[in-house]
Amino acid sequence: ETVDDGRASIYQSVISNTSKEMSCLSDFPMPEDFPNFLPNSKVLEYFRIFAKKFDLLKYIQFQTTVLSVKKHPDFATSGQWVVVTENNGKEQSAVFDGVMICSGHHVFPNLPLESFPGIQKFKGQYFHSRQYKHPEGFEKKRILVIGIGNSASDIAVELSKKAAQVFISTRHGSWVLSRISEDGYPWDLTFLTRFKAMLKNIVPRIVVKWAMEKVVYQWFNHENYGLVPQNKYLFKEPVVNDDLPSRILYGAIKVKSRVKELTETSAIFEDGTVEENIDIIVFATGYTFSFPFLEDLVKVENNMVSLYKFIFPPQLEKSTLACIGLIQPLGPIFPAIELQARWVTRVFKGLCTLPSERTMMEDIIKRNKQRIEWFGESKTQLLQTNYISYSDEIAVEIGVKPDILSLLLKDPKLAVKLYFGPCNSYQYRLVGPGQWDGARNAIFTQKQRILKPLKTRAIKTSSTFPVSFLLKILGLLAVVVAFFSQLQ
């Protein structure tokens, strides 16, 4: 409800970009009556149900600020940490055997005002998207939103319902996806499969890029809407927004190029066009991240961190510190973070070991090069990962990646589901540490939970063949008759 320093902040209308079945934790499906894409209140409700189910609240100390995390004097042998916290104005120090940093990367706003000449003269209101909560108070205003990420698009769409006019300024453009995909199923259920991931890995990259472009163009031509990415062959995070194209279509939102300069009341764009009487500017320009309580233990340079598999600082004598969630997978984040946590706890317990510092550094350098090649060098993209390959990579470390080839012999029906169906979190509970007996059933009942919240109106199923099916049969017969006629 309020914007607090040091904490992430969201607007009231936020809806998840990934579906409930792809986003849920691996041994706890979301309630089947939950909608497929969740308002933020439903995500919170899920967490509360989860915490109650596993009796977690007794382990959590709320309203506590971490002031510092430092190595214990005998860290080289014990691997322990001295953590200083503050609660209700009182400081407290405690020793911990392991520390997991879970503060995320959407806390410190990136507000590059130096890149917008004339901002000091601008007489209107301007603020970072982190400050935005609801559209009240923006009625009849002319609003400029700078940025083309998910937050920028959501805010522009919402404001366009009350504002006189909304403009979106973008330097590079973006692919835009709908939450609704084939046959009306959530987009991530059809996009994120092992089969498609395999194709992406074996076919030439130019073919992959062409196929991706064909998919996004099935909905609308991005060039006609001024949204086509400048470098459309980089696999940057797409915008998931069902309303943006329609809002552009009827003029409530106008897409503009990069802002070149601002005056007291207007914005001058890179293409030479000018928009007058701008009342408000919303900077949806992303975030930076840092760990001030860690001193120099985790260094952030140009929004890049040297962490082994995005998790472990390689230079520590003992692997008892880990960063969780410092990734931006092209898919659901909760299952990937859960896998990180499962691996980290096993490392802390000594059940898994990490390679040498040199090996970890070599992996970090190689990974950074690959990410820049695939995703570009923007601050957001430097945290991007491929959801399936990264999840499998961590699952191998834990020992929970399913062996589909062996399953083909033992349980072929399940193997087909795993390979051609959505790569959901349940797959990582079929075998190995933390195996869950309900995982197989959760995979086979997924469609039921997807359709449950949609089927709120009873419909009588027709016993006759649909007309479209009959037309296909007749068409096939016509082709056969024509073929044999040609032979004669």
Protein backbone atom coordinates (compact mmCIF):
# COMPACT_ATOMS: atom_id res chain seq x y z
CA GLU A 1 0.00 0.00 0.00
CA THR A 2 2.96 2.34 0.57
CA VAL A 3 6.40 2.76 -0.99
CA ASP A 4 9.02 1.83 1.61
CA ASP A 5 12.76 2.31 1.33
CA GLY A 6 14.74 -0.88 0.92
CA ARG A 7 11.74 -2.97 -0.12
CA ALA A 8 10.28 -3.91 -3.48
CA SER A 9 7.13 -2.04 -4.47
CA ILE A 10 4.32 -2.99 -6.85
CA TYR A 11 1.19 -1.31 -8.18
CA GLN A 12 -2.24 -2.52 -7.12
CA SER A 13 -3.22 -4.00 -10.48
CA VAL A 14 -0.19 -6.29 -10.95
CA ILE A 15 -1.10 -9.69 -12.45
CA SER A 16 1.42 -12.49 -12.86
CA ASN A 17 3.00 -12.97 -16.29
CA THR A 18 3.45 -16.71 -15.77
CA SER A 19 0.58 -19.10 -15.11
CA LYS A 20 -0.23 -20.71 -11.77
CA GLU A 21 0.65 -24.22 -12.94
CA MET A 22 4.08 -23.13 -14.13
CA SER A 23 4.72 -20.86 -11.15
CA CYS A 24 3.77 -23.06 -8.20
CA LEU A 25 6.28 -24.69 -5.90
CA SER A 26 7.13 -28.26 -6.81
CA ASP A 27 5.32 -30.17 -4.07
CA PHE A 28 2.34 -27.88 -3.60
CA PRO A 29 0.05 -27.15 -6.59
CA MET A 30 -1.99 -23.98 -6.35
CA PRO A 31 -5.70 -24.43 -5.54
CA GLU A 32 -7.57 -25.52 -8.68
CA ASP A 33 -10.10 -22.68 -8.34
CA PHE A 34 -7.33 -20.04 -8.51
CA PRO A 35 -7.29 -18.17 -11.85
CA ASN A 36 -4.57 -19.16 -14.29
CA PHE A 37 -2.86 -15.77 -14.04
CA LEU A 38 -2.87 -14.45 -10.52
CA PRO A 39 -3.57 -10.98 -9.16
CA ASN A 40 -0.89 -10.12 -6.62
CA SER A 41 -3.37 -10.74 -3.77
CA LYS A 42 -3.73 -14.37 -4.91
CA VAL A 43 0.05 -14.86 -4.98
CA LEU A 44 0.17 -13.63 -1.39
CA GLU A 45 -2.71 -15.96 -0.48
CA TYR A 46 -0.80 -18.91 -1.99
CA PHE A 47 2.28 -18.09 0.09
CA ARG A 48 0.14 -17.89 3.22
CA ILE A 49 -1.50 -21.26 2.48
CA PHE A 50 1.95 -22.75 1.85
CA ALA A 51 3.39 -21.33 5.08
CA LYS A 52 0.44 -22.66 7.07
CA LYS A 53 0.56 -26.09 5.42
CA PHE A 54 4.23 -26.60 6.34
CA ASP A 55 4.04 -24.68 9.66
CA LEU A 56 6.72 -22.19 8.61
CA LEU A 57 5.72 -19.02 10.49
CA LYS A 58 7.37 -20.12 13.72
CA TYR A 59 10.74 -19.98 11.93
CA ILE A 60 10.33 -16.44 10.58
CA GLN A 61 11.24 -13.25 12.43
CA PHE A 62 9.25 -10.43 10.84
CA GLN A 63 9.85 -6.65 10.76
CA THR A 64 13.59 -7.13 11.11
CA THR A 65 16.25 -5.19 9.21
CA VAL A 66 19.62 -6.75 8.48
CA LEU A 67 22.31 -4.14 9.14
CA SER A 68 25.42 -6.18 8.40
CA VAL A 69 26.65 -9.66 7.53
CA LYS A 70 30.31 -10.27 8.33
CA LYS A 71 32.59 -13.26 8.53
CA HIS A 72 33.04 -14.76 11.99
CA PRO A 73 36.65 -14.41 13.25
CA ASP A 74 37.17 -18.15 12.73
CA PHE A 75 35.33 -18.23 9.38
CA ALA A 76 38.17 -20.10 7.64
CA THR A 77 37.43 -23.16 9.77
CA SER A 78 33.80 -22.70 10.88
CA GLY A 79 32.26 -20.93 7.84
CA GLN A 80 30.05 -18.98 10.26
CA TRP A 81 28.65 -15.47 9.94
CA VAL A 82 27.97 -12.65 12.40
CA VAL A 83 24.66 -11.01 11.49
CA VAL A 84 23.58 -7.72 13.07
CA THR A 85 19.84 -6.97 12.89
CA GLU A 86 17.46 -4.29 14.11
CA ASN A 87 13.95 -4.92 15.40
CA ASN A 88 11.77 -2.19 16.96
CA GLY A 89 14.81 0.05 17.34
CA LYS A 90 16.91 -2.57 19.11
CA GLU A 91 20.09 -3.96 17.59
CA GLN A 92 20.95 -7.59 18.01
CA SER A 93 23.89 -9.75 16.95
CA ALA A 94 23.74 -13.49 16.25
CA VAL A 95 25.98 -16.16 14.73
CA PHE A 96 24.67 -18.21 11.79
CA ASP A 97 26.04 -21.30 10.04
CA GLY A 98 24.73 -20.22 6.65
CA VAL A 99 23.30 -17.10 5.01
CA MET A 100 20.99 -16.89 1.99
CA ILE A 101 20.55 -13.43 0.44
CA CYS A 102 16.99 -13.26 -0.93
CA SER A 103 16.52 -9.50 -1.37
CA GLY A 104 16.05 -9.73 -5.14
CA HIS A 105 16.83 -7.12 -7.78
CA HIS A 106 13.73 -4.87 -7.85
CA VAL A 107 14.51 -2.65 -4.87
CA PHE A 108 16.81 0.19 -5.94
CA PRO A 109 15.30 2.22 -8.82
CA ASN A 110 17.46 3.11 -11.82
CA LEU A 111 16.68 6.77 -12.57
CA PRO A 112 19.21 7.97 -15.19
CA LEU A 113 18.15 11.63 -15.25
CA GLU A 114 21.53 12.61 -16.75
CA SER A 115 20.40 10.86 -19.96
CA PHE A 116 17.46 13.25 -20.34
CA PRO A 117 18.73 16.79 -21.06
CA GLY A 118 16.31 19.47 -19.90
CA ILE A 119 14.73 17.43 -17.10
CA GLN A 120 15.71 20.19 -14.65
CA LYS A 121 13.54 22.66 -16.60
CA PHE A 122 10.52 20.34 -16.82
CA LYS A 123 7.66 21.91 -14.86
CA GLY A 124 5.48 18.81 -14.67
CA GLN A 125 5.68 15.87 -12.28
CA TYR A 126 8.12 13.00 -12.81
CA PHE A 127 8.88 9.84 -10.83
CA HIS A 128 10.14 6.25 -11.14
CA SER A 129 7.58 3.52 -11.82
CA ARG A 130 8.37 2.12 -8.37
CA GLN A 131 6.37 5.04 -6.94
CA TYR A 132 3.26 4.21 -8.96
CA LYS A 133 0.37 2.51 -7.14
CA HIS A 134 -2.98 3.30 -8.88
CA PRO A 135 -4.43 5.51 -11.66
CA GLU A 136 -6.37 7.86 -9.38
CA GLY A 137 -5.16 11.45 -9.74
CA PHE A 138 -4.03 11.04 -13.35
CA GLU A 139 -7.37 11.87 -14.98
CA LYS A 140 -7.24 14.05 -18.12
CA LYS A 141 -3.43 14.25 -18.03
CA ARG A 142 -0.99 13.92 -20.90
CA ILE A 143 1.48 11.29 -19.68
CA LEU A 144 4.82 10.12 -21.02
CA VAL A 145 6.00 6.65 -19.93
CA ILE A 146 9.70 6.04 -20.61
CA GLY A 147 10.50 2.37 -21.09
CA ILE A 148 8.93 -0.68 -22.76
CA GLY A 149 9.23 -3.41 -20.12
CA ASN A 150 6.35 -5.16 -18.41
CA SER A 151 5.92 -2.44 -15.78
CA ALA A 152 5.99 0.32 -18.40
CA SER A 153 3.36 -1.46 -20.50
CA ASP A 154 1.09 -2.26 -17.53
CA ILE A 155 1.23 1.31 -16.23
CA ALA A 156 0.70 2.85 -19.68
CA VAL A 157 -2.31 0.62 -20.34
CA GLU A 158 -3.89 1.37 -16.95
CA LEU A 159 -3.30 5.13 -17.18
CA SER A 160 -4.64 5.26 -20.74
CA LYS A 161 -8.11 4.45 -19.39
CA LYS A 162 -8.25 7.76 -17.52
CA ALA A 163 -5.60 10.02 -19.06
CA ALA A 164 -6.17 12.39 -21.96
CA GLN A 165 -3.26 10.76 -23.81
CA VAL A 166 -0.43 8.36 -22.97
CA PHE A 167 2.88 8.12 -24.84
CA ILE A 168 5.40 5.29 -24.53
CA SER A 169 8.98 6.18 -25.38
CA THR A 170 11.28 3.27 -26.23
CA ARG A 171 14.87 3.13 -27.44
CA HIS A 172 14.90 -0.47 -28.63
CA GLY A 173 11.28 -1.71 -28.86
CA SER A 174 10.15 -5.13 -27.64
CA TRP A 175 8.31 -8.27 -28.64
CA VAL A 176 4.84 -8.37 -27.11
CA LEU A 177 3.10 -11.64 -26.21
CA SER A 178 -0.43 -12.40 -25.10
CA ARG A 179 -1.07 -14.47 -22.00
CA ILE A 180 -3.42 -16.51 -24.20
CA SER A 181 -1.76 -19.03 -26.50
CA GLU A 182 -2.79 -22.10 -28.54
CA ASP A 183 -6.39 -23.18 -27.88
CA GLY A 184 -6.65 -20.53 -25.19
CA TYR A 185 -4.10 -22.12 -22.86
CA PRO A 186 -1.60 -19.94 -20.96
CA TRP A 187 1.38 -18.98 -23.10
CA ASP A 188 4.03 -20.59 -20.91
CA LEU A 189 2.34 -24.01 -21.05
CA THR A 190 2.87 -24.15 -24.80
CA PHE A 191 6.19 -22.27 -25.08
CA LEU A 192 8.16 -23.93 -22.28
CA THR A 193 8.53 -27.57 -23.26
CA ARG A 194 11.64 -29.76 -23.41
CA PHE A 195 10.89 -30.60 -27.03
CA LYS A 196 10.95 -26.94 -28.07
CA ALA A 197 14.05 -26.34 -25.96
CA MET A 198 15.74 -29.23 -27.78
CA LEU A 199 14.83 -27.77 -31.18
CA LYS A 200 16.23 -24.40 -30.10
CA ASN A 201 19.54 -26.07 -29.22
CA ILE A 202 20.02 -28.18 -32.36
CA VAL A 203 18.73 -26.03 -35.22
CA PRO A 204 20.80 -23.07 -36.48
CA ARG A 205 20.29 -19.90 -34.49
CA ILE A 206 19.08 -18.01 -37.54
CA VAL A 207 16.25 -20.55 -37.89
CA VAL A 208 15.37 -20.21 -34.19
CA LYS A 209 15.21 -16.44 -34.54
CA TRP A 210 13.06 -16.71 -37.66
CA ALA A 211 10.67 -19.10 -35.88
CA MET A 212 10.42 -16.81 -32.85
CA GLU A 213 9.56 -13.89 -35.09
CA LYS A 214 6.88 -15.91 -36.86
CA VAL A 215 5.31 -16.77 -33.49
CA VAL A 216 5.09 -13.20 -32.25
CA TYR A 217 3.87 -11.95 -35.62
CA GLN A 218 0.93 -14.37 -35.52
CA TRP A 219 -0.80 -11.97 -33.14
CA PHE A 220 0.02 -8.65 -34.82
CA ASN A 221 2.67 -7.02 -36.98
CA HIS A 222 5.05 -5.29 -34.57
CA GLU A 223 6.43 -2.99 -37.27
CA ASN A 224 2.99 -1.50 -37.89
CA TYR A 225 2.67 -0.72 -34.17
CA GLY A 226 6.13 0.80 -33.75
CA LEU A 227 7.19 -1.94 -31.34
CA VAL A 228 9.56 -4.13 -33.37
CA PRO A 229 12.85 -4.48 -31.45
CA GLN A 230 15.85 -2.62 -32.82
CA ASN A 231 17.92 -5.80 -32.58
CA LYS A 232 15.16 -8.33 -33.00
CA TYR A 233 17.58 -11.25 -33.00
CA LEU A 234 18.50 -10.92 -29.33
CA PHE A 235 16.40 -13.10 -27.02
CA LYS A 236 15.39 -10.35 -24.61
CA GLU A 237 12.55 -10.74 -22.16
CA PRO A 238 9.29 -10.08 -24.04
CA VAL A 239 6.47 -7.94 -22.76
CA VAL A 240 3.45 -10.02 -21.73
CA ASN A 241 0.44 -7.75 -22.11
CA ASP A 242 -2.94 -8.52 -23.67
CA ASP A 243 -4.15 -4.90 -23.80
CA LEU A 244 -1.19 -2.92 -25.16
CA PRO A 245 -1.81 -3.57 -28.89
CA SER A 246 -5.52 -2.70 -28.65
CA ARG A 247 -4.76 0.50 -26.72
CA ILE A 248 -2.32 1.48 -29.46
CA LEU A 249 -4.86 0.47 -32.11
CA TYR A 250 -7.42 3.01 -30.96
CA GLY A 251 -4.98 5.75 -30.09
CA ALA A 252 -5.11 5.78 -26.30
CA ILE A 253 -1.36 4.99 -26.35
CA LYS A 254 1.11 6.31 -28.91
CA VAL A 255 4.56 4.74 -29.29
CA LYS A 256 7.43 7.20 -29.63
CA SER A 257 11.17 6.92 -30.16
CA ARG A 258 13.85 7.77 -27.58
CA VAL A 259 13.53 11.09 -25.74
CA LYS A 260 16.24 13.43 -27.02
CA GLU A 261 15.43 16.45 -24.88
CA LEU A 262 12.83 17.83 -22.49
CA THR A 263 11.61 21.41 -22.20
CA GLU A 264 9.42 23.04 -19.58
CA THR A 265 6.27 21.42 -20.98
CA SER A 266 7.22 19.22 -23.93
CA ALA A 267 9.26 16.22 -25.03
CA ILE A 268 11.46 16.21 -28.13
CA PHE A 269 12.10 12.78 -29.59
CA GLU A 270 15.00 11.30 -31.54
CA ASP A 271 13.01 11.27 -34.79
CA GLY A 272 12.44 15.04 -34.52
CA THR A 273 8.79 14.88 -33.43
CA VAL A 274 7.59 16.93 -30.46
CA GLU A 275 4.75 16.29 -28.02
CA GLU A 276 3.51 19.39 -26.23
CA ASN A 277 1.81 19.89 -22.87
CA ILE A 278 3.25 16.85 -21.09
CA ASP A 279 1.95 16.83 -17.52
CA ILE A 280 3.63 13.73 -16.07
CA ILE A 281 6.66 11.57 -16.88
CA VAL A 282 6.90 8.02 -15.52
CA PHE A 283 10.42 6.60 -15.68
CA ALA A 284 10.00 2.81 -16.07
CA THR A 285 13.75 2.51 -16.44
CA GLY A 286 14.39 -0.61 -14.41
CA TYR A 287 16.47 -1.22 -11.31
CA THR A 288 19.99 -1.52 -10.05
CA PHE A 289 20.95 -3.87 -7.25
CA SER A 290 23.46 -3.89 -4.43
CA PHE A 291 24.12 -5.54 -1.09
CA PRO A 292 25.23 -2.73 1.27
CA PHE A 293 25.04 -5.02 4.32
CA LEU A 294 27.59 -7.41 2.77
CA GLU A 295 30.47 -4.93 2.37
CA ASP A 296 32.59 -6.27 -0.52
CA LEU A 297 31.65 -9.93 -0.34
CA VAL A 298 29.47 -9.78 -3.45
CA LYS A 299 30.70 -7.16 -5.90
CA VAL A 300 28.31 -5.57 -8.41
CA GLU A 301 29.96 -3.95 -11.44
CA ASN A 302 27.88 -2.61 -14.34
CA ASN A 303 24.96 -4.58 -12.95
CA MET A 304 26.92 -7.82 -13.26
CA VAL A 305 27.86 -10.08 -10.37
CA SER A 306 30.55 -12.74 -10.18
CA LEU A 307 28.49 -15.60 -8.80
CA TYR A 308 28.87 -19.28 -9.66
CA LYS A 309 25.64 -20.29 -11.41
CA PHE A 310 24.22 -16.92 -10.23
CA ILE A 311 24.35 -18.17 -6.63
CA PHE A 312 27.73 -18.71 -4.93
CA PRO A 313 30.59 -16.20 -4.48
CA PRO A 314 33.59 -18.23 -5.74
CA GLN A 315 36.27 -16.69 -3.51
CA LEU A 316 34.99 -17.83 -0.08
CA GLU A 317 36.95 -20.39 1.91
CA LYS A 318 33.66 -21.99 2.97
CA SER A 319 30.54 -22.15 0.80
CA THR A 320 28.11 -20.88 3.43
CA LEU A 321 26.83 -17.75 1.65
CA ALA A 322 24.45 -17.80 -1.32
CA CYS A 323 22.34 -15.37 -3.34
CA ILE A 324 18.85 -16.59 -4.19
CA GLY A 325 16.68 -15.14 -6.96
CA LEU A 326 19.32 -12.99 -8.63
CA ILE A 327 18.13 -14.20 -12.02
CA GLN A 328 15.51 -13.31 -14.59
CA PRO A 329 14.51 -16.55 -16.31
CA LEU A 330 12.55 -16.42 -19.56
CA GLY A 331 9.75 -18.22 -17.76
CA PRO A 332 8.49 -18.62 -14.18
CA ILE A 333 10.87 -17.51 -11.46
CA PHE A 334 9.49 -19.31 -8.38
CA PRO A 335 10.40 -22.88 -9.49
CA ALA A 336 13.91 -21.77 -10.50
CA ILE A 337 14.42 -20.06 -7.14
CA GLU A 338 13.12 -23.13 -5.32
CA LEU A 339 15.71 -25.28 -7.10
CA GLN A 340 18.41 -22.80 -6.11
CA ALA A 341 17.34 -23.05 -2.47
CA ARG A 342 17.23 -26.87 -2.57
CA TRP A 343 20.78 -26.96 -3.91
CA VAL A 344 22.09 -24.33 -1.49
CA THR A 345 20.79 -26.14 1.58
CA ARG A 346 22.52 -29.33 0.44
CA VAL A 347 25.77 -27.43 -0.07
CA PHE A 348 25.42 -25.90 3.41
CA LYS A 349 24.88 -29.38 4.86
CA GLY A 350 27.92 -30.77 3.06
CA LEU A 351 25.82 -33.12 0.91
CA CYS A 352 26.97 -31.36 -2.27
CA THR A 353 30.37 -29.84 -2.95
CA LEU A 354 31.38 -26.99 -5.24
CA PRO A 355 34.32 -27.06 -7.65
CA SER A 356 37.53 -25.08 -7.13
CA GLU A 357 37.56 -21.28 -7.20
CA ARG A 358 39.36 -21.35 -10.55
CA THR A 359 36.76 -23.64 -12.11
CA MET A 360 33.94 -21.46 -10.79
CA MET A 361 35.54 -18.29 -12.17
CA GLU A 362 35.99 -19.91 -15.60
CA ASP A 363 32.31 -20.87 -15.57
CA ILE A 364 31.30 -17.30 -14.62
CA ILE A 365 33.33 -15.77 -17.47
CA LYS A 366 31.96 -18.26 -20.00
CA ARG A 367 28.38 -17.75 -18.83
CA ASN A 368 28.63 -13.95 -18.99
CA LYS A 369 29.87 -14.11 -22.58
CA GLN A 370 27.02 -16.41 -23.58
CA ARG A 371 24.42 -14.21 -21.91
CA ILE A 372 25.64 -11.07 -23.68
CA GLU A 373 25.65 -12.94 -27.01
CA TRP A 374 22.07 -14.17 -26.58
CA PHE A 375 20.41 -11.42 -24.56
CA GLY A 376 22.40 -8.22 -25.11
CA GLU A 377 24.17 -5.93 -22.68
CA SER A 378 21.30 -4.01 -21.06
CA LYS A 379 21.12 -4.05 -17.28
CA THR A 380 18.03 -6.23 -17.20
CA GLN A 381 19.30 -8.73 -19.75
CA LEU A 382 22.50 -9.39 -17.81
CA LEU A 383 20.39 -11.36 -15.31
CA GLN A 384 18.47 -13.34 -17.92
CA THR A 385 18.66 -17.10 -18.16
CA ASN A 386 16.95 -19.78 -20.19
CA TYR A 387 14.34 -21.26 -17.84
CA ILE A 388 14.54 -24.96 -18.80
CA SER A 389 18.30 -25.27 -19.32
CA TYR A 390 19.06 -23.36 -16.12
CA SER A 391 16.55 -25.37 -14.06
CA ASP A 392 17.96 -28.63 -15.42
CA GLU A 393 21.48 -27.43 -14.67
CA ILE A 394 20.66 -26.87 -10.99
CA ALA A 395 18.55 -30.05 -10.85
CA VAL A 396 21.60 -32.09 -11.95
CA GLU A 397 23.57 -30.67 -9.02
CA ILE A 398 20.83 -31.81 -6.61
CA GLY A 399 20.19 -35.14 -8.34
CA VAL A 400 16.55 -34.46 -9.23
CA LYS A 401 16.59 -34.07 -13.02
CA PRO A 402 14.26 -36.72 -14.50
CA ASP A 403 15.86 -39.26 -16.85
CA ILE A 404 13.42 -39.27 -19.74
CA LEU A 405 15.19 -42.03 -21.70
CA SER A 406 14.91 -44.50 -18.81
CA LEU A 407 11.31 -43.40 -18.23
CA LEU A 408 10.52 -44.35 -21.84
CA LEU A 409 11.02 -47.97 -20.80
CA LYS A 410 9.51 -47.81 -17.31
CA ASP A 411 6.70 -45.27 -17.76
CA PRO A 412 6.38 -44.19 -21.43
CA LYS A 413 3.19 -42.20 -20.83
CA LEU A 414 4.96 -40.05 -18.23
CA ALA A 415 8.06 -39.71 -20.44
CA VAL A 416 5.94 -38.29 -23.28
CA LYS A 417 4.31 -35.83 -20.86
CA LEU A 418 7.68 -34.66 -19.59
CA TYR A 419 9.17 -34.18 -23.03
CA PHE A 420 6.31 -32.73 -25.05
CA GLY A 421 4.27 -31.18 -22.23
CA PRO A 422 5.04 -28.08 -20.17
CA CYS A 423 8.24 -28.22 -18.13
CA ASN A 424 6.61 -27.66 -14.76
CA SER A 425 8.14 -27.76 -11.29
CA TYR A 426 6.62 -31.17 -10.46
CA GLN A 427 9.16 -32.79 -12.78
CA TYR A 428 11.86 -32.07 -10.20
CA ARG A 429 10.08 -34.06 -7.48
CA LEU A 430 9.87 -37.38 -9.36
CA VAL A 431 13.28 -38.69 -8.27
CA GLY A 432 16.16 -37.95 -5.94
CA PRO A 433 16.33 -36.01 -2.66
CA GLY A 434 12.99 -34.51 -1.70
CA GLN A 435 11.05 -36.90 -3.93
CA TRP A 436 7.29 -36.31 -3.65
CA ASP A 437 4.84 -39.19 -4.13
CA GLY A 438 2.24 -36.83 -5.60
CA ALA A 439 4.45 -35.50 -8.39
CA ARG A 440 3.33 -37.91 -11.11
CA ASN A 441 -0.34 -37.32 -10.32
CA ALA A 442 0.20 -33.55 -10.28
CA ILE A 443 1.63 -33.76 -13.81
CA PHE A 444 -1.31 -35.79 -15.14
CA THR A 445 -3.97 -33.65 -13.44
CA GLN A 446 -2.50 -30.33 -14.55
CA LYS A 447 -5.06 -29.77 -17.31
CA GLN A 448 -7.88 -30.23 -14.80
CA ARG A 449 -6.51 -27.41 -12.63
CA ILE A 450 -6.04 -25.18 -15.67
CA LEU A 451 -9.62 -25.59 -16.90
CA LYS A 452 -11.37 -25.56 -13.50
CA PRO A 453 -11.49 -21.74 -13.07
CA LEU A 454 -12.57 -21.30 -16.71
CA LYS A 455 -15.56 -23.64 -16.66
CA THR A 456 -17.89 -21.47 -14.61
CA ARG A 457 -20.81 -21.92 -17.02
CA ALA A 458 -22.30 -25.35 -17.61
CA ILE A 459 -22.44 -26.20 -21.32
CA LYS A 460 -24.17 -29.21 -22.80
CA THR A 461 -21.76 -31.16 -24.95
CA SER A 462 -23.06 -31.94 -28.41
CA SER A 463 -23.31 -35.61 -29.36
CA THR A 464 -23.04 -34.86 -33.09
CA PHE A 465 -19.84 -34.30 -35.03
CA PRO A 466 -18.87 -30.60 -35.21
CA VAL A 467 -19.33 -29.01 -38.62
CA SER A 468 -15.61 -28.20 -38.87
CA PHE A 469 -14.74 -31.89 -38.42
CA LEU A 470 -17.20 -32.93 -41.15
CA LEU A 471 -15.76 -30.31 -43.50
CA LYS A 472 -12.26 -31.70 -42.92
CA ILE A 473 -13.45 -35.24 -43.73
CA LEU A 474 -15.18 -34.05 -46.91
CA GLY A 475 -12.09 -32.10 -47.91
CA LEU A 476 -9.88 -35.15 -47.41
CA LEU A 477 -12.25 -37.30 -49.53
CA ALA A 478 -12.20 -34.66 -52.26
CA VAL A 479 -8.38 -34.71 -52.30
CA VAL A 480 -8.36 -38.54 -52.56
CA VAL A 481 -10.92 -38.53 -55.41
CA ALA A 482 -8.99 -35.84 -57.27
CA PHE A 483 -5.73 -37.79 -56.82
CA PHE A 484 -7.15 -41.02 -58.29
CA SER A 485 -8.90 -39.12 -61.09
CA GLN A 486 -5.55 -37.61 -62.03
CA LEU A 487 -3.94 -41.09 -62.07
CA GLN A 488 -6.63 -42.36 -64.47
